[in-house]
C-alpha atoms as a PDB file:
ATOM      1  CA  MET A   1      32.984  16.375  28.434  1.00  0.00           C
ATOM      2  CA  THR A   2      32.576  14.626  25.002  1.00  0.00           C
ATOM      3  CA  PRO A   3      29.641  12.628  25.983  1.00  0.00           C
ATOM      4  CA  THR A   4      28.122  15.749  27.037  1.00  0.00           C
ATOM      5  CA  LEU A   5      28.320  17.371  23.903  1.00  0.00           C
ATOM      6  CA  SER A   6      27.129  14.385  21.953  1.00  0.00           C
ATOM      7  CA  ALA A   7      24.342  13.629  23.833  1.00  0.00           C
ATOM      8  CA  SER A   8      23.230  17.357  23.362  1.00  0.00           C
ATOM      9  CA  HIS A   9      24.134  17.323  19.718  1.00  0.00           C
ATOM     10  CA  VAL A  10      21.831  14.475  19.690  1.00  0.00           C
ATOM     11  CA  ALA A  11      19.074  16.067  22.187  1.00  0.00           C
ATOM     12  CA  SER A  12      18.740  18.949  19.472  1.00  0.00           C
ATOM     13  CA  ALA A  13      18.802  17.127  16.339  1.00  0.00           C
ATOM     14  CA  GLY A  14      16.329  14.479  17.384  1.00  0.00           C
ATOM     15  CA  PRO A  15      13.273  16.953  16.972  1.00  0.00           C
ATOM     16  CA  ALA A  16      14.512  18.309  13.694  1.00  0.00           C
ATOM     17  CA  SER A  17      14.997  14.665  12.088  1.00  0.00           C
ATOM     18  CA  ARG A  18      11.339  13.850  13.306  1.00  0.00           C
ATOM     19  CA  ALA A  19      10.131  16.800  11.453  1.00  0.00           C
ATOM     20  CA  ALA A  20      11.949  16.365   8.531  1.00  0.00           C
ATOM     21  CA  VAL A  21      10.898  12.850   8.050  1.00  0.00           C
ATOM     22  CA  ARG A  22       7.219  13.652   9.201  1.00  0.00           C
ATOM     23  CA  PRO A  23       6.088  14.940   5.367  1.00  0.00           C
ATOM     24  CA  TRP A  24       7.640  11.320   4.224  1.00  0.00           C
ATOM     25  CA  LEU A  25       5.601   8.695   5.889  1.00  0.00           C
ATOM     26  CA  ALA A  26       2.603  10.878   6.114  1.00  0.00           C
ATOM     27  CA  GLY A  27       2.575  10.213   1.866  1.00  0.00           C
ATOM     28  CA  GLY A  28       2.956   6.183   3.420  1.00  0.00           C
ATOM     29  CA  ILE A  29      -0.076   7.129   6.096  1.00  0.00           C
ATOM     30  CA  ALA A  30      -2.359   8.210   3.742  1.00  0.00           C
ATOM     31  CA  ALA A  31      -1.773   6.204   0.488  1.00  0.00           C
ATOM     32  CA  GLY A  32      -4.678   3.109   1.750  1.00  0.00           C
ATOM     33  CA  PRO A  33      -7.475   5.600   3.367  1.00  0.00           C
ATOM     34  CA  VAL A  34      -6.936   8.007  -0.139  1.00  0.00           C
ATOM     35  CA  PHE A  35      -7.012   4.994  -3.028  1.00  0.00           C
ATOM     36  CA  LEU A  36      -9.705   3.561  -0.879  1.00  0.00           C
ATOM     37  CA  ALA A  37     -12.123   6.528  -0.612  1.00  0.00           C
ATOM     38  CA  ALA A  38     -11.576   7.611  -3.767  1.00  0.00           C
ATOM     39  CA  GLY A  39     -12.432   4.014  -5.177  1.00  0.00           C
ATOM     40  CA  VAL A  40     -15.563   3.523  -3.690  1.00  0.00           C
ATOM     41  CA  ALA A  41     -16.756   6.676  -4.485  1.00  0.00           C
ATOM     42  CA  GLN A  42     -16.114   5.758  -7.795  1.00  0.00           C
ATOM     43  CA  GLY A  43     -17.456   2.154  -7.510  1.00  0.00           C
ATOM     44  CA  ILE A  44     -20.657   4.138  -6.228  1.00  0.00           C
ATOM     45  CA  ALA A  45     -21.253   6.736  -8.477  1.00  0.00           C
ATOM     46  CA  ARG A  46     -20.185   4.987 -12.197  1.00  0.00           C
ATOM     47  CA  ASP A  47     -23.457   3.461 -13.679  1.00  0.00           C
ATOM     48  CA  GLY A  48     -22.935  -0.567 -14.037  1.00  0.00           C
ATOM     49  CA  PHE A  49     -20.289  -0.389 -11.436  1.00  0.00           C
ATOM     50  CA  ASP A  50     -20.941  -3.603  -8.906  1.00  0.00           C
ATOM     51  CA  PHE A  51     -18.775  -4.283  -5.602  1.00  0.00           C
ATOM     52  CA  SER A  52     -19.999  -7.694  -5.941  1.00  0.00           C
ATOM     53  CA  ARG A  53     -18.706  -8.506  -9.580  1.00  0.00           C
ATOM     54  CA  ASN A  54     -15.959  -5.592 -10.360  1.00  0.00           C
ATOM     55  CA  ALA A  55     -12.722  -5.415  -9.505  1.00  0.00           C
ATOM     56  CA  LEU A  56     -11.860  -1.686  -7.698  1.00  0.00           C
ATOM     57  CA  SER A  57      -8.906  -2.015 -11.204  1.00  0.00           C
ATOM     58  CA  GLN A  58     -11.887  -2.213 -13.817  1.00  0.00           C
ATOM     59  CA  LEU A  59     -12.500   2.186 -12.738  1.00  0.00           C
ATOM     60  CA  ALA A  60      -9.779   3.088 -14.932  1.00  0.00           C
ATOM     61  CA  LEU A  61     -11.975   1.833 -18.133  1.00  0.00           C
ATOM     62  CA  GLY A  62     -14.361   3.992 -19.849  1.00  0.00           C
ATOM     63  CA  GLU A  63     -15.169   7.954 -20.443  1.00  0.00           C
ATOM     64  CA  ALA A  64     -14.190   8.856 -16.487  1.00  0.00           C
ATOM     65  CA  GLY A  65     -11.246   5.942 -16.206  1.00  0.00           C
ATOM     66  CA  TRP A  66      -9.106   8.691 -15.836  1.00  0.00           C
ATOM     67  CA  VAL A  67     -10.490   9.679 -12.263  1.00  0.00           C
ATOM     68  CA  GLN A  68      -9.098   5.786 -11.367  1.00  0.00           C
ATOM     69  CA  THR A  69      -5.713   5.915 -13.867  1.00  0.00           C
ATOM     70  CA  ALA A  70      -4.904   9.231 -11.253  1.00  0.00           C
ATOM     71  CA  ASN A  71      -5.848   7.501  -8.321  1.00  0.00           C
ATOM     72  CA  PHE A  72      -3.123   4.866  -9.112  1.00  0.00           C
ATOM     73  CA  LEU A  73      -0.708   6.941  -9.788  1.00  0.00           C
ATOM     74  CA  LEU A  74      -1.159   9.425  -6.613  1.00  0.00           C
ATOM     75  CA  ALA A  75      -1.635   6.387  -4.135  1.00  0.00           C
ATOM     76  CA  GLY A  76       1.847   4.897  -5.981  1.00  0.00           C
ATOM     77  CA  VAL A  77       3.533   8.788  -5.309  1.00  0.00           C
ATOM     78  CA  LEU A  78       2.357   8.441  -1.984  1.00  0.00           C
ATOM     79  CA  LEU A  79       3.185   5.192  -1.129  1.00  0.00           C
ATOM     80  CA  VAL A  80       7.005   5.585  -2.273  1.00  0.00           C
ATOM     81  CA  MET A  81       7.082   8.611   0.260  1.00  0.00           C
ATOM     82  CA  GLY A  82       6.151   6.755   2.705  1.00  0.00           C
ATOM     83  CA  ALA A  83       9.200   4.296   1.636  1.00  0.00           C
ATOM     84  CA  VAL A  84      12.044   6.851   2.139  1.00  0.00           C
ATOM     85  CA  GLY A  85       9.977   8.148   5.514  1.00  0.00           C
ATOM     86  CA  LEU A  86      10.057   3.832   6.374  1.00  0.00           C
ATOM     87  CA  ARG A  87      14.055   4.031   5.464  1.00  0.00           C
ATOM     88  CA  ARG A  88      14.572   7.226   8.066  1.00  0.00           C
ATOM     89  CA  VAL A  89      12.784   5.972  10.933  1.00  0.00           C
ATOM     90  CA  LEU A  90      14.252   2.501  10.875  1.00  0.00           C
ATOM     91  CA  SER A  91      17.522   3.128   9.863  1.00  0.00           C
ATOM     92  CA  GLY A  92      20.261   1.563  11.631  1.00  0.00           C
ATOM     93  CA  THR A  93      17.772  -1.332  12.602  1.00  0.00           C
ATOM     94  CA  PRO A  94      17.060  -4.745  11.420  1.00  0.00           C
ATOM     95  CA  GLY A  95      14.378  -4.393   8.763  1.00  0.00           C
ATOM     96  CA  GLY A  96      15.786  -0.673   8.228  1.00  0.00           C
ATOM     97  CA  SER A  97      16.884  -1.763   4.868  1.00  0.00           C
ATOM     98  CA  TRP A  98      14.550  -4.562   3.248  1.00  0.00           C
ATOM     99  CA  ALA A  99      11.241  -3.160   4.603  1.00  0.00           C
ATOM    100  CA  PRO A 100      11.804   0.393   2.843  1.00  0.00           C
ATOM    101  CA  VAL A 101      12.218  -1.894  -0.152  1.00  0.00           C
ATOM    102  CA  LEU A 102       9.023  -4.032  -0.940  1.00  0.00           C
ATOM    103  CA  ILE A 103       7.110  -0.716  -0.029  1.00  0.00           C
ATOM    104  CA  GLY A 104       9.208   0.782  -2.594  1.00  0.00           C
ATOM    105  CA  VAL A 105       7.824  -1.895  -4.864  1.00  0.00           C
ATOM    106  CA  PHE A 106       4.020  -1.643  -3.937  1.00  0.00           C
ATOM    107  CA  GLY A 107       4.259   2.077  -4.362  1.00  0.00           C
ATOM    108  CA  ALA A 108       5.618   1.224  -8.340  1.00  0.00           C
ATOM    109  CA  SER A 109       3.223  -1.640  -9.041  1.00  0.00           C
ATOM    110  CA  PHE A 110       0.487   1.218  -8.731  1.00  0.00           C
ATOM    111  CA  GLY A 111       2.020   2.866 -11.264  1.00  0.00           C
ATOM    112  CA  ALA A 112       2.741  -0.094 -13.618  1.00  0.00           C
ATOM    113  CA  ALA A 113      -1.053  -0.805 -12.835  1.00  0.00           C
ATOM    114  CA  ALA A 114      -2.117   2.758 -14.597  1.00  0.00           C
ATOM    115  CA  ALA A 115       0.090   1.902 -17.225  1.00  0.00           C
ATOM    116  CA  PHE A 116      -1.455  -0.918 -18.365  1.00  0.00           C
ATOM    117  CA  PRO A 117      -5.522  -1.196 -17.368  1.00  0.00           C
ATOM    118  CA  ALA A 118      -7.343  -3.702 -16.858  1.00  0.00           C
ATOM    119  CA  ASP A 119      -9.712  -5.563 -19.211  1.00  0.00           C
ATOM    120  CA  ALA A 120     -13.255  -4.936 -19.567  1.00  0.00           C
ATOM    121  CA  GLY A 121     -15.860  -6.933 -18.263  1.00  0.00           C
ATOM    122  CA  ALA A 122     -18.571  -8.547 -16.133  1.00  0.00           C
ATOM    123  CA  GLY A 123     -20.595  -5.919 -17.258  1.00  0.00           C
ATOM    124  CA  PHE A 124     -17.955  -2.922 -17.039  1.00  0.00           C
ATOM    125  CA  PRO A 125     -18.098  -0.403 -18.658  1.00  0.00           C
ATOM    126  CA  ALA A 126     -21.688  -0.543 -19.473  1.00  0.00           C
ATOM    127  CA  GLY A 127     -21.961  -2.708 -22.679  1.00  0.00           C
ATOM    128  CA  ALA A 128     -18.933  -4.779 -21.777  1.00  0.00           C
ATOM    129  CA  PRO A 129     -19.487  -8.454 -21.775  1.00  0.00           C
ATOM    130  CA  ASP A 130     -19.816 -10.733 -18.588  1.00  0.00           C
ATOM    131  CA  ALA A 131     -16.649 -13.271 -20.460  1.00  0.00           C
ATOM    132  CA  THR A 132     -13.512 -11.391 -20.970  1.00  0.00           C
ATOM    133  CA  VAL A 133      -9.936 -13.291 -22.653  1.00  0.00           C
ATOM    134  CA  LEU A 134      -7.049 -11.877 -20.652  1.00  0.00           C
ATOM    135  CA  SER A 135      -4.715  -8.927 -22.901  1.00  0.00           C
ATOM    136  CA  GLY A 136      -1.410  -8.131 -23.192  1.00  0.00           C
ATOM    137  CA  HIS A 137      -2.034  -5.284 -20.663  1.00  0.00           C
ATOM    138  CA  ALA A 138      -4.427  -6.404 -18.407  1.00  0.00           C
ATOM    139  CA  GLY A 139      -1.672  -9.539 -17.799  1.00  0.00           C
ATOM    140  CA  VAL A 140       0.902  -7.109 -16.912  1.00  0.00           C
ATOM    141  CA  HIS A 141      -1.719  -5.787 -14.805  1.00  0.00           C
ATOM    142  CA  VAL A 142      -2.471  -8.500 -12.880  1.00  0.00           C
ATOM    143  CA  ALA A 143       1.120  -9.659 -12.680  1.00  0.00           C
ATOM    144  CA  ALA A 144       2.156  -6.290 -11.482  1.00  0.00           C
ATOM    145  CA  GLY A 145      -0.928  -6.421  -8.832  1.00  0.00           C
ATOM    146  CA  MET A 146       0.881  -9.510  -7.775  1.00  0.00           C
ATOM    147  CA  VAL A 147       4.578  -8.543  -6.850  1.00  0.00           C
ATOM    148  CA  GLY A 148       3.272  -5.458  -5.352  1.00  0.00           C
ATOM    149  CA  TYR A 149       1.520  -7.287  -2.760  1.00  0.00           C
ATOM    150  CA  LEU A 150       3.516 -10.059  -2.417  1.00  0.00           C
ATOM    151  CA  ALA A 151       5.911  -7.129  -1.651  1.00  0.00           C
ATOM    152  CA  LEU A 152       3.396  -5.829   0.706  1.00  0.00           C
ATOM    153  CA  CYS A 153       2.907  -9.022   2.002  1.00  0.00           C
ATOM    154  CA  ALA A 154       6.778  -9.788   2.807  1.00  0.00           C
ATOM    155  CA  ALA A 155       7.378  -6.280   4.452  1.00  0.00           C
ATOM    156  CA  PHE A 156       4.616  -7.204   6.687  1.00  0.00           C
ATOM    157  CA  VAL A 157       6.749  -9.935   8.074  1.00  0.00           C
ATOM    158  CA  VAL A 158       9.999  -7.493   7.736  1.00  0.00           C
ATOM    159  CA  LEU A 159       8.095  -4.909   9.877  1.00  0.00           C
ATOM    160  CA  ALA A 160       7.293  -7.272  13.115  1.00  0.00           C
ATOM    161  CA  GLY A 161      10.987  -7.142  13.916  1.00  0.00           C
ATOM    162  CA  PRO A 162      11.097  -3.642  14.460  1.00  0.00           C
ATOM    163  CA  LEU A 163       7.694  -3.429  16.198  1.00  0.00           C
ATOM    164  CA  ALA A 164       8.653  -6.093  18.940  1.00  0.00           C
ATOM    165  CA  ALA A 165      11.699  -4.128  19.177  1.00  0.00           C
ATOM    166  CA  ARG A 166       9.365  -1.271  20.006  1.00  0.00           C
ATOM    167  CA  GLY A 167       7.395  -3.069  22.496  1.00  0.00           C
ATOM    168  CA  HIS A 168       5.081  -3.371  20.387  1.00  0.00           C
ATOM    169  CA  ARG A 169       4.069  -7.363  20.126  1.00  0.00           C
ATOM    170  CA  ARG A 170       0.481  -7.680  19.827  1.00  0.00           C
ATOM    171  CA  TRP A 171       1.506  -5.516  16.615  1.00  0.00           C
ATOM    172  CA  ALA A 172       3.798  -7.725  15.799  1.00  0.00           C
ATOM    173  CA  VAL A 173       1.635 -10.913  15.879  1.00  0.00           C
ATOM    174  CA  ALA A 174      -0.988  -9.082  13.628  1.00  0.00           C
ATOM    175  CA  SER A 175       1.854  -7.810  10.965  1.00  0.00           C
ATOM    176  CA  ARG A 176       2.513 -11.863  10.445  1.00  0.00           C
ATOM    177  CA  LEU A 177      -0.773 -12.916  10.134  1.00  0.00           C
ATOM    178  CA  VAL A 178      -2.153 -10.061   7.854  1.00  0.00           C
ATOM    179  CA  PRO A 179      -0.339 -11.169   5.360  1.00  0.00           C
ATOM    180  CA  VAL A 180      -2.519 -14.623   5.136  1.00  0.00           C
ATOM    181  CA  VAL A 181      -5.757 -12.835   5.500  1.00  0.00           C
ATOM    182  CA  VAL A 182      -4.575 -10.712   2.065  1.00  0.00           C
ATOM    183  CA  LEU A 183      -2.741 -13.749   0.270  1.00  0.00           C
ATOM    184  CA  ALA A 184      -6.418 -15.844   1.325  1.00  0.00           C
ATOM    185  CA  GLY A 185      -8.316 -12.992  -0.067  1.00  0.00           C
ATOM    186  CA  PHE A 186      -6.604 -13.087  -3.829  1.00  0.00           C
ATOM    187  CA  ALA A 187      -6.981 -16.832  -3.816  1.00  0.00           C
ATOM    188  CA  ALA A 188     -10.213 -16.056  -3.398  1.00  0.00           C
ATOM    189  CA  SER A 189     -10.613 -13.962  -6.026  1.00  0.00           C
ATOM    190  CA  ALA A 190     -11.661 -16.219  -8.612  1.00  0.00           C
ATOM    191  CA  ALA A 191     -15.306 -16.927  -6.595  1.00  0.00           C
ATOM    192  CA  SER A 192     -15.862 -13.813  -5.209  1.00  0.00           C
ATOM    193  CA  VAL A 193     -14.117 -10.239  -6.444  1.00  0.00           C
ATOM    194  CA  LEU A 194     -15.491  -8.902  -2.563  1.00  0.00           C
ATOM    195  CA  ALA A 195     -12.865 -11.306  -1.410  1.00  0.00           C
ATOM    196  CA  PHE A 196     -10.160  -9.877  -3.542  1.00  0.00           C
ATOM    197  CA  THR A 197     -11.326  -6.008  -2.651  1.00  0.00           C
ATOM    198  CA  ALA A 198     -11.082  -6.746   1.266  1.00  0.00           C
ATOM    199  CA  GLY A 199      -7.806  -9.024   0.734  1.00  0.00           C
ATOM    200  CA  ALA A 200      -6.055  -6.026  -1.081  1.00  0.00           C
ATOM    201  CA  GLY A 201      -8.026  -3.078   1.221  1.00  0.00           C
ATOM    202  CA  LEU A 202      -7.195  -5.254   4.062  1.00  0.00           C
ATOM    203  CA  GLY A 203      -3.184  -4.705   2.810  1.00  0.00           C
ATOM    204  CA  LEU A 204      -3.287  -1.029   2.407  1.00  0.00           C
ATOM    205  CA  LEU A 205      -5.180  -0.035   6.029  1.00  0.00           C
ATOM    206  CA  TRP A 206      -2.588  -2.310   7.829  1.00  0.00           C
ATOM    207  CA  LEU A 207       0.131  -0.386   5.669  1.00  0.00           C
ATOM    208  CA  THR A 208      -1.459   2.518   7.386  1.00  0.00           C
ATOM    209  CA  ALA A 209      -1.559   1.547  10.866  1.00  0.00           C
ATOM    210  CA  VAL A 210       1.689   0.680  11.417  1.00  0.00           C
ATOM    211  CA  MET A 211       3.251   3.301   9.395  1.00  0.00           C
ATOM    212  CA  THR A 212       1.056   5.183  11.413  1.00  0.00           C
ATOM    213  CA  ARG A 213       2.849   3.365  14.834  1.00  0.00           C
ATOM    214  CA  LEU A 214       6.518   3.443  13.813  1.00  0.00           C
ATOM    215  CA  ALA A 215       5.818   7.220  13.148  1.00  0.00           C
ATOM    216  CA  CYS A 216       5.175   7.636  16.897  1.00  0.00           C
ATOM    217  CA  VAL A 217       9.028   7.038  17.957  1.00  0.00           C
ATOM    218  CA  PRO A 218      12.083   8.871  17.205  1.00  0.00           C
ATOM    219  CA  VAL A 219      14.225   8.856  14.128  1.00  0.00           C
ATOM    220  CA  ASN A 220      17.221   6.614  14.039  1.00  0.00           C
ATOM    221  CA  ARG A 221      16.536   5.791  18.205  1.00  0.00           C
END
C-alpha cells in the first residue's frame, strides 16, 4: 500500500514541480538571445560602431550607453534565474550541484561587466582614438568576462554528463566541443574582434540550446 501511495504522490507532484521551475529556466533560455539581439540592434543603430573593430561591451559607452549597461544587468539576472531552474532540474543527479553554480558565476560576471565598463577605443564612441591604454575599470571588465566564460565552459563540460544520462549523446559530445571553439575565439581576439564576438555569442546560444533540451525532461527524475 505504501508504494502505491508514494507513486500517486510523485505523479501528482511532478507536473506542479515542472510548472514551478519553468519560469526560472525560461530566464536562462532567454538570456543569450535577448542579450545578443539587443547588442546587434544597438551596433547597427549607433554611429561609429563597427562590428569588425568594436566589441559589444563598448556599446555601454557614450550617451546611449545606459542601454547596453541595462542589457548586461538584465542578462545577468536572467542567467541567475536559469541557474536556479537548472539546480531544480538536475537535483540529485551528477552535475546537479556544480553546473548551476558555474552558470550563476557566469551570470554574476555580467553584473560586474555592467559595473566596470570597457574602455573607449577603435574609433568608438565617435571621436575616440584607435589605440587605448587599459584602465583599471576596463581591467576588471576583462577579468570578469574571462572568469565568467571559463565558468560557462566548465559548466558545458559538467552538463555533458546529464545530457548523456538522458540519452542525448550527440548533445553531450557537442557540449564538450563547444568550449574549445569558444576559447579559440577568445584566443583569437587580439587578431579579430569578430572571432571574439562569435565565440562569446556561441557560448550564450549553446547555453540556451542545452537548457531548452534539459527543460524537456521531468524535474527530480
